[in-house]
C-alpha cells in the first residue's frame, strides 16, 4: 500500500504533496495525546486479537523480554527474533508516540 503512495508522490505538484503530507500527518500523528493513545491501543488490539504471536514467523510461543523505551518487548522461542507491539507498523522505530505507549502495558 505505502509503496504505491511513494511511487506516485513525485507525480504530484508541490501543493498536492504538501496537502497529502498534512493529511497523512493528521491521521498518523494526531495532536491530541488521547487520540494517539487510542490509536496505539486499537493497533495493538487488532494485531493481537486472536492472541499474542510473533510478527516475524507467526509462532505463538513468545515470552516477555523486558522493556525498551517503555514498550514491552517479546522474544519468539521458535525464530529467536524479538519485537514489540509496534513492530512492522507505521509507528515502528518512531519515538513520537511515547506519551501513549505507557498505557499499552
Protein backbone atom coordinates (compact mmCIF):
# COMPACT_ATOMS: atom_id res chain seq x y z
CA UNK A 1 0.00 0.00 0.00
CA UNK A 2 2.62 2.56 1.07
CA UNK A 3 4.87 1.76 -1.88
CA UNK A 4 2.06 2.81 -4.25
CA UNK A 5 1.78 6.14 -2.43
CA UNK A 6 5.54 6.69 -2.54
CA UNK A 7 5.78 5.80 -6.23
CA UNK A 8 3.08 8.29 -7.24
CA UNK A 9 4.20 11.00 -4.81
CA UNK A 10 6.70 12.56 -7.22
CA UNK A 11 3.97 12.90 -9.87
CA UNK A 12 2.06 15.34 -7.65
CA UNK A 13 2.55 19.09 -7.65
CA UNK A 14 4.28 20.63 -4.62
CA UNK A 15 0.97 21.87 -3.21
CA UNK A 16 -0.61 18.42 -3.66
CA UNK A 17 2.42 16.82 -1.97
CA UNK A 18 2.04 19.18 1.00
CA UNK A 19 -1.70 18.51 1.22
CA UNK A 20 -1.11 14.73 1.17
CA UNK A 21 1.63 15.02 3.77
CA UNK A 22 -0.60 17.06 6.10
CA UNK A 23 -3.48 14.60 5.68
CA UNK A 24 -1.19 11.66 6.49
CA UNK A 25 0.32 13.52 9.43
CA UNK A 26 -3.13 14.22 10.92
CA UNK A 27 -4.17 10.57 10.52
CA UNK A 28 -0.95 9.03 11.83
CA UNK A 29 0.10 11.61 14.43
CA UNK A 30 -2.88 13.46 15.86
CA UNK A 31 -2.03 16.45 18.06
CA UNK A 32 -4.19 15.23 20.94
CA UNK A 33 -2.26 12.68 23.08
CA UNK A 34 -5.53 10.90 23.89
CA UNK A 35 -6.05 10.24 20.17
CA UNK A 36 -2.52 8.84 19.95
CA UNK A 37 -3.17 6.58 22.94
CA UNK A 38 -6.43 5.39 21.39
CA UNK A 39 -4.72 4.78 18.04
CA UNK A 40 -1.93 2.73 19.63
CA UNK A 41 -4.45 0.74 21.66
CA UNK A 42 -6.53 -0.03 18.57
CA UNK A 43 -3.41 -1.14 16.66
CA UNK A 44 -2.45 -3.49 19.49
CA UNK A 45 -5.97 -4.88 19.90
CA UNK A 46 -6.39 -5.50 16.17
CA UNK A 47 -2.96 -7.03 15.78
CA UNK A 48 -3.19 -9.43 18.71
CA UNK A 49 -6.97 -10.05 18.75
CA UNK A 50 -6.51 -13.80 18.34
CA UNK A 51 -3.66 -13.95 20.85
CA UNK A 52 -0.08 -12.83 21.05
CA UNK A 53 2.03 -14.16 18.18
CA UNK A 54 5.41 -13.48 16.62
CA UNK A 55 5.16 -10.82 13.92
CA UNK A 56 8.07 -12.44 12.07
CA UNK A 57 7.11 -16.13 11.88
CA UNK A 58 3.58 -16.29 13.36
CA UNK A 59 4.52 -18.61 16.23
CA UNK A 60 2.54 -18.35 19.46
CA UNK A 61 5.46 -19.44 21.64
CA UNK A 62 6.56 -15.97 22.68
CA UNK A 63 7.56 -14.62 26.07
CA UNK A 64 8.06 -11.19 27.56
CA UNK A 65 11.60 -9.94 27.16
CA UNK A 66 11.90 -6.76 29.20
CA UNK A 67 11.04 -3.23 28.15
CA UNK A 68 12.76 -0.73 25.92
CA UNK A 69 11.74 2.93 25.95
CA UNK A 70 8.64 2.00 27.95
CA UNK A 71 7.46 -0.53 25.33
CA UNK A 72 7.10 -4.20 26.22
CA UNK A 73 9.49 -6.42 24.23
CA UNK A 74 8.75 -10.02 23.28
CA UNK A 75 11.05 -12.87 22.25
CA UNK A 76 9.95 -15.67 19.93
CA UNK A 77 11.09 -19.12 21.08
CA UNK A 78 10.89 -20.53 17.54
CA UNK A 79 12.71 -17.98 15.35
CA UNK A 80 14.63 -16.20 18.13
CA UNK A 81 13.65 -12.72 16.94
CA UNK A 82 12.37 -10.01 19.23
CA UNK A 83 9.59 -7.50 18.63
CA UNK A 84 7.28 -5.05 20.37
CA UNK A 85 3.66 -4.02 19.86
CA UNK A 86 4.58 -1.56 17.14
CA UNK A 87 7.00 -3.71 15.09
CA UNK A 88 6.04 -3.64 11.37
CA UNK A 89 3.53 -0.80 11.83
CA UNK A 90 3.75 2.85 10.73
CA UNK A 91 4.99 3.63 14.26
CA UNK A 92 7.85 1.12 14.07
CA UNK A 93 11.09 2.80 15.10
CA UNK A 94 9.31 6.02 15.97
CA UNK A 95 9.92 7.84 19.23
CA UNK A 96 6.92 10.12 18.63
CA UNK A 97 4.05 8.25 20.32
CA UNK A 98 5.99 7.86 23.57
CA UNK A 99 3.29 9.66 25.59
CA UNK A 100 0.74 7.00 24.72
CA UNK A 101 2.98 3.95 24.88
CA UNK A 102 2.83 3.66 28.69
CA UNK A 103 -0.87 2.89 28.56
CA UNK A 104 -0.39 -0.18 26.40
CA UNK A 105 1.25 -2.30 29.06
